[in-house]
Amino acid sequence: MFSAVTRCAACVCLCLGLYHLQYALLIEAKAAMAPFLIERAWQQTLVSGVTSRPWPWADTWPVAQLEIPAVDVRLPILASTSGEALAFAPGLHAGSVLWGEPGSAVIGGHRDTHFDFMADLVVNDRLQIQDSLGRQLRYRIAELHVIDSAHTPLVTEGNEHQVLLVTCYPLDALHAGGSLRYVAVAEMEPLQPTFLASRRSFKL
């Protein structure tokens, strides 16, 4: 027969196991629902003109939408590059300007999730950003390079109207970390009422 101590220990272990299982299932459910909740919040922002959080306790919210037809990418951009925010979508780097303003709007994302397309970008690819006012801003990738963020600041001042897509480098590294960043520099094109771009059929 099992002693009272043994039964108590087994009960505690069972409760702990159920707790961790419930927590893991909650995280998976949140990850599965997040894209739909973020998209809904973005549509609400476009309609109302008021920032909308994807869920009540969210510490970030969508501020724009990124589209790159050449690599079939359409992603929300969140108002933060915190670790929790980047788990759900790319985010706007703190201190950078907004799209359409002089300077560089820096958008960060994880190389192995939302920004895994970075390896497929080439110079002259077009991208589009829809802001919270519904404007469609067009950019062309002018440069792709690697920087050391420990010595080169991501956010810079200037008269250029640029968007920088930034992710960790090397792109195929097994482990995250380090200060190297892969950067796609996109320059703003004249405003147009529509944005039309066909998918690239081949690469050199």
Foldseek 3Di string as FASTA:
>chain_A
DDDPVRVVVVVVVVVVVVVVVVVVVVVVVCLVCLVVLQVVQLVVLLVPVDRGDSDDPDPKHFFKWKAFQQQGAIFTEIDDPDPVVLSRGKYWYPPADDAPAFFETEIEHECVPRVVCVVVDDFQGKMWMQGSPRFIWIWTFHDKDKDQCVPDPPGDGDRFRWYKYKYAPPSPDPDDDHRMIIITIIGTDDGDPDDDDHHDPDDD
